[in-house]
């Protein structure tokens, strides 16, 4: 029987034995939403890095024009980097056919913490159906950890809502599954809340509203509009 569990923040990965497990990392506002969007719009790959210094190191030696640097630290866009939200990157980044080298405070760190799992995917509301369908089809017996990235060891409402959406999608598929209490709690939150409202009321969402990034929240709140399933392969996310 497949077990589906939700981790409330990336720091909980430190206590998990990841061998043989499937991890789906969520950072709804905005890392994994941006990764999904970039790959859906033709980026050749996404290289998630721990910080700006690591991103610059990953760019060294690559031909000029072959990559895009994007990232933030503590919600401030890194100097010389593109803004890390999905719509901004689509507008200004010119990502089609290029490598996105990407650094964020939480989402890319969560991906790095997950690397010892058997399979690691980047999930979002934007590709929920596709990623769950892929996991059910290709890893039907593996334990699934839906990892909310959170924010600097804190719980984030928007990630928990996203986890609830994925849990609700797992439930639609045939086959016995064991949903942990954390997974059930996320599912109940999702069932009782509207995506855009939930994201806007979350702490990060309120911060985005203060910066007049309403459209970015609305963009990230859309459900299953992309079919890409970004998987971590040797330090890079590909489809």
C-alpha atoms as a PDB file:
ATOM      1  CA  UNK A   1       0.000   0.000   0.000  1.00  0.00           C
ATOM      2  CA  UNK A   2       1.333   3.392  -0.996  1.00  0.00           C
ATOM      3  CA  UNK A   3       1.818   5.817   1.873  1.00  0.00           C
ATOM      4  CA  UNK A   4       1.330   9.548   1.304  1.00  0.00           C
ATOM      5  CA  UNK A   5       2.760  11.912   3.908  1.00  0.00           C
ATOM      6  CA  UNK A   6       3.158  15.696   4.082  1.00  0.00           C
ATOM      7  CA  UNK A   7       6.145  17.417   5.658  1.00  0.00           C
ATOM      8  CA  UNK A   8       5.275  20.876   6.963  1.00  0.00           C
ATOM      9  CA  UNK A   9       8.667  22.434   6.208  1.00  0.00           C
ATOM     10  CA  UNK A  10      11.894  21.442   4.508  1.00  0.00           C
ATOM     11  CA  UNK A  11      13.758  21.167   7.807  1.00  0.00           C
ATOM     12  CA  UNK A  12      11.729  18.032   8.590  1.00  0.00           C
ATOM     13  CA  UNK A  13      13.641  16.287   5.810  1.00  0.00           C
ATOM     14  CA  UNK A  14      16.626  16.106   8.182  1.00  0.00           C
ATOM     15  CA  UNK A  15      14.799  13.449  10.207  1.00  0.00           C
ATOM     16  CA  UNK A  16      13.559  11.424   7.222  1.00  0.00           C
ATOM     17  CA  UNK A  17      15.135   8.340   5.714  1.00  0.00           C
ATOM     18  CA  UNK A  18      14.782   9.131   2.025  1.00  0.00           C
ATOM     19  CA  UNK A  19      16.084   5.919   0.478  1.00  0.00           C
ATOM     20  CA  UNK A  20      13.466   4.413  -1.823  1.00  0.00           C
ATOM     21  CA  UNK A  21      10.997   7.269  -1.367  1.00  0.00           C
ATOM     22  CA  UNK A  22       9.425   9.693  -3.821  1.00  0.00           C
ATOM     23  CA  UNK A  23       9.639  13.373  -2.891  1.00  0.00           C
ATOM     24  CA  UNK A  24       7.485  16.109  -4.391  1.00  0.00           C
ATOM     25  CA  UNK A  25       8.807  19.533  -3.386  1.00  0.00           C
ATOM     26  CA  UNK A  26       6.383  22.456  -3.185  1.00  0.00           C
ATOM     27  CA  UNK A  27       7.210  26.145  -2.974  1.00  0.00           C
ATOM     28  CA  UNK A  28       4.011  27.653  -4.292  1.00  0.00           C
ATOM     29  CA  UNK A  29       5.154  31.280  -3.851  1.00  0.00           C
ATOM     30  CA  UNK A  30       7.291  30.958  -5.911  1.00  0.00           C
ATOM     31  CA  UNK A  31      10.226  28.633  -6.547  1.00  0.00           C
ATOM     32  CA  UNK A  32       8.541  25.475  -7.809  1.00  0.00           C
ATOM     33  CA  UNK A  33       5.831  27.473  -9.589  1.00  0.00           C
ATOM     34  CA  UNK A  34       8.609  29.292 -11.446  1.00  0.00           C
ATOM     35  CA  UNK A  35      10.465  26.057 -12.224  1.00  0.00           C
ATOM     36  CA  UNK A  36       7.305  24.461 -13.627  1.00  0.00           C
ATOM     37  CA  UNK A  37       6.517  27.565 -15.671  1.00  0.00           C
ATOM     38  CA  UNK A  38      10.039  27.867 -17.077  1.00  0.00           C
ATOM     39  CA  UNK A  39      10.112  24.262 -18.263  1.00  0.00           C
ATOM     40  CA  UNK A  40       6.580  24.521 -19.649  1.00  0.00           C
ATOM     41  CA  UNK A  41       7.712  27.504 -21.717  1.00  0.00           C
ATOM     42  CA  UNK A  42      10.726  25.861 -23.272  1.00  0.00           C
ATOM     43  CA  UNK A  43      13.630  26.181 -20.841  1.00  0.00           C
ATOM     44  CA  UNK A  44      16.027  23.334 -21.589  1.00  0.00           C
ATOM     45  CA  UNK A  45      16.689  22.635 -17.905  1.00  0.00           C
ATOM     46  CA  UNK A  46      16.653  24.284 -14.493  1.00  0.00           C
ATOM     47  CA  UNK A  47      19.679  24.123 -12.220  1.00  0.00           C
ATOM     48  CA  UNK A  48      18.564  24.762  -8.627  1.00  0.00           C
ATOM     49  CA  UNK A  49      21.309  26.183  -6.430  1.00  0.00           C
ATOM     50  CA  UNK A  50      21.644  26.851  -2.712  1.00  0.00           C
ATOM     51  CA  UNK A  51      22.510  30.545  -3.002  1.00  0.00           C
ATOM     52  CA  UNK A  52      23.628  33.289  -5.330  1.00  0.00           C
ATOM     53  CA  UNK A  53      27.285  32.354  -5.056  1.00  0.00           C
ATOM     54  CA  UNK A  54      26.540  28.791  -6.105  1.00  0.00           C
ATOM     55  CA  UNK A  55      24.421  30.079  -8.988  1.00  0.00           C
ATOM     56  CA  UNK A  56      27.283  32.228 -10.276  1.00  0.00           C
ATOM     57  CA  UNK A  57      29.635  29.258  -9.982  1.00  0.00           C
ATOM     58  CA  UNK A  58      27.200  27.121 -12.002  1.00  0.00           C
ATOM     59  CA  UNK A  59      27.195  29.784 -14.709  1.00  0.00           C
ATOM     60  CA  UNK A  60      30.988  29.864 -15.043  1.00  0.00           C
ATOM     61  CA  UNK A  61      32.245  28.350 -18.263  1.00  0.00           C
ATOM     62  CA  UNK A  62      28.857  28.329 -19.954  1.00  0.00           C
ATOM     63  CA  UNK A  63      28.557  30.158 -23.288  1.00  0.00           C
ATOM     64  CA  UNK A  64      27.157  33.659 -22.992  1.00  0.00           C
ATOM     65  CA  UNK A  65      23.480  33.679 -23.864  1.00  0.00           C
ATOM     66  CA  UNK A  66      22.993  29.984 -23.090  1.00  0.00           C
ATOM     67  CA  UNK A  67      21.598  30.544 -19.620  1.00  0.00           C
ATOM     68  CA  UNK A  68      19.457  32.850 -17.487  1.00  0.00           C
ATOM     69  CA  UNK A  69      20.294  33.730 -13.881  1.00  0.00           C
ATOM     70  CA  UNK A  70      17.301  34.208 -11.606  1.00  0.00           C
ATOM     71  CA  UNK A  71      16.990  34.267  -7.856  1.00  0.00           C
ATOM     72  CA  UNK A  72      16.347  35.917  -4.533  1.00  0.00           C
ATOM     73  CA  UNK A  73      17.461  35.832  -0.930  1.00  0.00           C
ATOM     74  CA  UNK A  74      14.984  36.723   1.797  1.00  0.00           C
ATOM     75  CA  UNK A  75      12.555  37.947  -0.883  1.00  0.00           C
ATOM     76  CA  UNK A  76      15.056  40.422  -2.380  1.00  0.00           C
ATOM     77  CA  UNK A  77      16.102  39.811  -5.985  1.00  0.00           C
ATOM     78  CA  UNK A  78      19.819  39.053  -6.165  1.00  0.00           C
ATOM     79  CA  UNK A  79      21.941  41.773  -7.820  1.00  0.00           C
ATOM     80  CA  UNK A  80      22.331  41.107 -11.527  1.00  0.00           C
ATOM     81  CA  UNK A  81      19.740  38.296 -11.450  1.00  0.00           C
ATOM     82  CA  UNK A  82      16.289  38.228 -13.018  1.00  0.00           C
ATOM     83  CA  UNK A  83      13.273  38.511 -10.724  1.00  0.00           C
ATOM     84  CA  UNK A  84      12.379  34.963  -9.614  1.00  0.00           C
ATOM     85  CA  UNK A  85       8.597  34.947 -10.053  1.00  0.00           C
ATOM     86  CA  UNK A  86       6.958  33.148 -13.002  1.00  0.00           C
ATOM     87  CA  UNK A  87       5.427  36.023 -14.937  1.00  0.00           C
ATOM     88  CA  UNK A  88       8.432  38.291 -14.495  1.00  0.00           C
ATOM     89  CA  UNK A  89      10.734  35.577 -15.790  1.00  0.00           C
ATOM     90  CA  UNK A  90       8.511  34.922 -18.798  1.00  0.00           C
ATOM     91  CA  UNK A  91       8.392  38.629 -19.603  1.00  0.00           C
ATOM     92  CA  UNK A  92      12.060  39.483 -19.178  1.00  0.00           C
ATOM     93  CA  UNK A  93      14.083  36.291 -19.067  1.00  0.00           C
ATOM     94  CA  UNK A  94      14.027  34.960 -22.626  1.00  0.00           C
ATOM     95  CA  UNK A  95      14.179  31.413 -21.277  1.00  0.00           C
ATOM     96  CA  UNK A  96      13.156  29.350 -24.296  1.00  0.00           C
ATOM     97  CA  UNK A  97      15.946  26.950 -25.238  1.00  0.00           C
ATOM     98  CA  UNK A  98      18.172  28.168 -22.400  1.00  0.00           C
ATOM     99  CA  UNK A  99      19.249  26.871 -19.003  1.00  0.00           C
ATOM    100  CA  UNK A 100      17.657  28.553 -16.004  1.00  0.00           C
ATOM    101  CA  UNK A 101      20.142  28.796 -13.135  1.00  0.00           C
ATOM    102  CA  UNK A 102      17.934  29.448 -10.166  1.00  0.00           C
ATOM    103  CA  UNK A 103      18.503  30.273  -6.502  1.00  0.00           C
ATOM    104  CA  UNK A 104      15.894  30.901  -3.807  1.00  0.00           C
ATOM    105  CA  UNK A 105      15.845  31.049  -0.030  1.00  0.00           C
ATOM    106  CA  UNK A 106      13.629  27.996   0.421  1.00  0.00           C
ATOM    107  CA  UNK A 107      12.508  26.062  -2.647  1.00  0.00           C
ATOM    108  CA  UNK A 108      15.888  25.311  -4.188  1.00  0.00           C
ATOM    109  CA  UNK A 109      17.215  24.446  -0.719  1.00  0.00           C
ATOM    110  CA  UNK A 110      14.352  21.968  -0.260  1.00  0.00           C
ATOM    111  CA  UNK A 111      15.254  20.348  -3.566  1.00  0.00           C
ATOM    112  CA  UNK A 112      18.874  19.993  -2.443  1.00  0.00           C
ATOM    113  CA  UNK A 113      17.784  18.448   0.864  1.00  0.00           C
ATOM    114  CA  UNK A 114      15.712  15.887  -1.059  1.00  0.00           C
ATOM    115  CA  UNK A 115      18.476  14.633  -3.351  1.00  0.00           C
ATOM    116  CA  UNK A 116      18.968  11.315  -1.522  1.00  0.00           C
ATOM    117  CA  UNK A 117      15.425  10.178  -2.315  1.00  0.00           C
ATOM    118  CA  UNK A 118      14.856   7.643  -5.067  1.00  0.00           C
ATOM    119  CA  UNK A 119      12.917  10.187  -7.127  1.00  0.00           C
ATOM    120  CA  UNK A 120      12.499  13.952  -6.666  1.00  0.00           C
ATOM    121  CA  UNK A 121       9.974  16.135  -8.474  1.00  0.00           C
ATOM    122  CA  UNK A 122       9.072  19.820  -8.443  1.00  0.00           C
ATOM    123  CA  UNK A 123       5.349  20.294  -7.937  1.00  0.00           C
ATOM    124  CA  UNK A 124       2.970  23.233  -7.856  1.00  0.00           C
ATOM    125  CA  UNK A 125      -0.711  23.948  -8.222  1.00  0.00           C
ATOM    126  CA  UNK A 126       0.174  24.621 -11.850  1.00  0.00           C
ATOM    127  CA  UNK A 127       1.115  20.996 -12.629  1.00  0.00           C
ATOM    128  CA  UNK A 128      -0.631  19.078  -9.849  1.00  0.00           C
ATOM    129  CA  UNK A 129      -2.533  16.607 -12.000  1.00  0.00           C
ATOM    130  CA  UNK A 130       0.484  15.830 -14.168  1.00  0.00           C
ATOM    131  CA  UNK A 131       2.889  15.170 -11.310  1.00  0.00           C
ATOM    132  CA  UNK A 132       0.434  13.021  -9.342  1.00  0.00           C
ATOM    133  CA  UNK A 133      -0.510  11.023 -12.442  1.00  0.00           C
ATOM    134  CA  UNK A 134       3.179  10.424 -13.140  1.00  0.00           C
ATOM    135  CA  UNK A 135       3.932   9.271  -9.590  1.00  0.00           C
ATOM    136  CA  UNK A 136       0.898   6.962  -9.469  1.00  0.00           C
ATOM    137  CA  UNK A 137       1.800   5.433 -12.824  1.00  0.00           C
ATOM    138  CA  UNK A 138       5.549   5.016 -12.378  1.00  0.00           C
ATOM    139  CA  UNK A 139       6.023   4.625  -8.591  1.00  0.00           C
ATOM    140  CA  UNK A 140       2.826   2.938  -7.354  1.00  0.00           C
ATOM    141  CA  UNK A 141       4.466   1.206  -4.385  1.00  0.00           C
ATOM    142  CA  UNK A 142       6.839   3.908  -3.184  1.00  0.00           C
ATOM    143  CA  UNK A 143       6.165   6.056  -0.129  1.00  0.00           C
ATOM    144  CA  UNK A 144       5.450   9.630  -1.228  1.00  0.00           C
ATOM    145  CA  UNK A 145       6.651  12.636   0.766  1.00  0.00           C
ATOM    146  CA  UNK A 146       5.008  15.904  -0.235  1.00  0.00           C
ATOM    147  CA  UNK A 147       7.465  18.474   1.100  1.00  0.00           C
ATOM    148  CA  UNK A 148       6.299  21.984   1.910  1.00  0.00           C
ATOM    149  CA  UNK A 149       9.382  24.170   1.597  1.00  0.00           C
ATOM    150  CA  UNK A 150       8.198  26.631   4.226  1.00  0.00           C
ATOM    151  CA  UNK A 151      10.230  29.701   5.028  1.00  0.00           C
ATOM    152  CA  UNK A 152      13.382  29.660   7.160  1.00  0.00           C
ATOM    153  CA  UNK A 153      12.130  26.868   9.444  1.00  0.00           C
ATOM    154  CA  UNK A 154       8.590  28.256   9.505  1.00  0.00           C
ATOM    155  CA  UNK A 155       5.329  26.790   8.243  1.00  0.00           C
ATOM    156  CA  UNK A 156       3.860  28.403   5.108  1.00  0.00           C
ATOM    157  CA  UNK A 157       0.116  28.286   4.491  1.00  0.00           C
ATOM    158  CA  UNK A 158       0.357  28.350   0.702  1.00  0.00           C
ATOM    159  CA  UNK A 159       2.587  25.269   0.565  1.00  0.00           C
ATOM    160  CA  UNK A 160       0.243  23.355   2.876  1.00  0.00           C
ATOM    161  CA  UNK A 161      -2.675  24.275   0.633  1.00  0.00           C
ATOM    162  CA  UNK A 162      -0.718  22.986  -2.355  1.00  0.00           C
ATOM    163  CA  UNK A 163       0.013  19.761  -0.495  1.00  0.00           C
ATOM    164  CA  UNK A 164      -3.707  19.367   0.143  1.00  0.00           C
ATOM    165  CA  UNK A 165      -4.401  19.728  -3.566  1.00  0.00           C
ATOM    166  CA  UNK A 166      -1.938  16.958  -4.366  1.00  0.00           C
ATOM    167  CA  UNK A 167      -3.407  14.718  -1.664  1.00  0.00           C
ATOM    168  CA  UNK A 168      -6.879  15.251  -3.134  1.00  0.00           C
ATOM    169  CA  UNK A 169      -5.521  14.199  -6.527  1.00  0.00           C
ATOM    170  CA  UNK A 170      -3.903  11.058  -5.120  1.00  0.00           C
ATOM    171  CA  UNK A 171      -7.267  10.134  -3.626  1.00  0.00           C
ATOM    172  CA  UNK A 172      -8.913  10.225  -7.057  1.00  0.00           C
ATOM    173  CA  UNK A 173      -6.723   7.374  -8.301  1.00  0.00           C
ATOM    174  CA  UNK A 174      -7.595   3.725  -7.807  1.00  0.00           C
ATOM    175  CA  UNK A 175      -5.582   1.617  -5.420  1.00  0.00           C
ATOM    176  CA  UNK A 176      -5.157   1.458  -1.644  1.00  0.00           C
ATOM    177  CA  UNK A 177      -3.271   4.339  -0.043  1.00  0.00           C
ATOM    178  CA  UNK A 178      -2.397   5.239   3.512  1.00  0.00           C
ATOM    179  CA  UNK A 179      -2.778   8.981   4.087  1.00  0.00           C
ATOM    180  CA  UNK A 180      -1.090  10.222   7.244  1.00  0.00           C
ATOM    181  CA  UNK A 181      -2.734  12.732   9.566  1.00  0.00           C
ATOM    182  CA  UNK A 182      -0.633  15.529   8.080  1.00  0.00           C
ATOM    183  CA  UNK A 183      -1.808  14.565   4.602  1.00  0.00           C
ATOM    184  CA  UNK A 184      -5.431  14.458   5.762  1.00  0.00           C
ATOM    185  CA  UNK A 185      -5.109  17.868   7.430  1.00  0.00           C
ATOM    186  CA  UNK A 186      -3.747  19.375   4.220  1.00  0.00           C
ATOM    187  CA  UNK A 187      -6.556  17.777   2.231  1.00  0.00           C
ATOM    188  CA  UNK A 188      -9.170  19.233   4.593  1.00  0.00           C
ATOM    189  CA  UNK A 189      -7.656  22.719   4.299  1.00  0.00           C
ATOM    190  CA  UNK A 190      -7.682  22.470   0.520  1.00  0.00           C
ATOM    191  CA  UNK A 191     -11.306  21.312   0.473  1.00  0.00           C
ATOM    192  CA  UNK A 192     -12.432  24.309   2.491  1.00  0.00           C
ATOM    193  CA  UNK A 193     -10.473  27.123   0.870  1.00  0.00           C
ATOM    194  CA  UNK A 194     -10.142  28.931  -2.450  1.00  0.00           C
ATOM    195  CA  UNK A 195      -6.677  28.844  -3.988  1.00  0.00           C
ATOM    196  CA  UNK A 196      -6.262  32.528  -4.814  1.00  0.00           C
ATOM    197  CA  UNK A 197      -7.739  33.638  -1.496  1.00  0.00           C
ATOM    198  CA  UNK A 198      -5.575  31.237   0.490  1.00  0.00           C
ATOM    199  CA  UNK A 199      -2.387  32.308  -1.270  1.00  0.00           C
ATOM    200  CA  UNK A 200      -3.201  35.993  -0.861  1.00  0.00           C
ATOM    201  CA  UNK A 201      -3.931  35.627   2.871  1.00  0.00           C
ATOM    202  CA  UNK A 202      -0.698  33.726   3.574  1.00  0.00           C
ATOM    203  CA  UNK A 203       2.237  35.685   4.995  1.00  0.00           C
ATOM    204  CA  UNK A 204       4.217  35.543   1.751  1.00  0.00           C
ATOM    205  CA  UNK A 205       1.100  36.399  -0.214  1.00  0.00           C
ATOM    206  CA  UNK A 206       0.496  39.495   1.904  1.00  0.00           C
ATOM    207  CA  UNK A 207       4.075  40.543   1.306  1.00  0.00           C
ATOM    208  CA  UNK A 208       3.572  40.100  -2.450  1.00  0.00           C
ATOM    209  CA  UNK A 209       0.391  42.191  -2.320  1.00  0.00           C
ATOM    210  CA  UNK A 210       2.307  44.991  -0.611  1.00  0.00           C
ATOM    211  CA  UNK A 211       4.697  44.906  -3.556  1.00  0.00           C
ATOM    212  CA  UNK A 212       1.805  45.038  -6.035  1.00  0.00           C
ATOM    213  CA  UNK A 213       2.433  41.521  -7.303  1.00  0.00           C
ATOM    214  CA  UNK A 214      -1.246  40.553  -7.293  1.00  0.00           C
ATOM    215  CA  UNK A 215      -1.007  39.050 -10.762  1.00  0.00           C
ATOM    216  CA  UNK A 216       1.817  36.729  -9.684  1.00  0.00           C
ATOM    217  CA  UNK A 217      -0.352  35.345  -6.884  1.00  0.00           C
ATOM    218  CA  UNK A 218      -3.243  34.800  -9.284  1.00  0.00           C
ATOM    219  CA  UNK A 219      -0.879  33.082 -11.728  1.00  0.00           C
ATOM    220  CA  UNK A 220       0.491  30.672  -9.105  1.00  0.00           C
ATOM    221  CA  UNK A 221      -3.055  29.882  -7.884  1.00  0.00           C
ATOM    222  CA  UNK A 222      -4.091  28.290 -11.197  1.00  0.00           C
ATOM    223  CA  UNK A 223      -4.536  24.528 -11.038  1.00  0.00           C
ATOM    224  CA  UNK A 224      -3.177  21.956 -13.481  1.00  0.00           C
ATOM    225  CA  UNK A 225      -2.691  24.201 -16.485  1.00  0.00           C
ATOM    226  CA  UNK A 226       0.716  22.674 -17.319  1.00  0.00           C
ATOM    227  CA  UNK A 227       1.593  19.053 -18.031  1.00  0.00           C
ATOM    228  CA  UNK A 228       5.334  19.175 -17.344  1.00  0.00           C
ATOM    229  CA  UNK A 229       6.745  16.983 -14.566  1.00  0.00           C
ATOM    230  CA  UNK A 230      10.148  18.394 -13.555  1.00  0.00           C
ATOM    231  CA  UNK A 231      12.384  15.653 -12.139  1.00  0.00           C
ATOM    232  CA  UNK A 232      15.714  16.083 -10.442  1.00  0.00           C
ATOM    233  CA  UNK A 233      18.436  14.321 -12.397  1.00  0.00           C
ATOM    234  CA  UNK A 234      22.070  14.757 -11.385  1.00  0.00           C
ATOM    235  CA  UNK A 235      21.506  18.198  -9.919  1.00  0.00           C
ATOM    236  CA  UNK A 236      19.283  19.559 -12.666  1.00  0.00           C
ATOM    237  CA  UNK A 237      15.549  19.589 -13.240  1.00  0.00           C
ATOM    238  CA  UNK A 238      14.414  18.269 -16.607  1.00  0.00           C
ATOM    239  CA  UNK A 239      11.212  16.963 -18.191  1.00  0.00           C
END
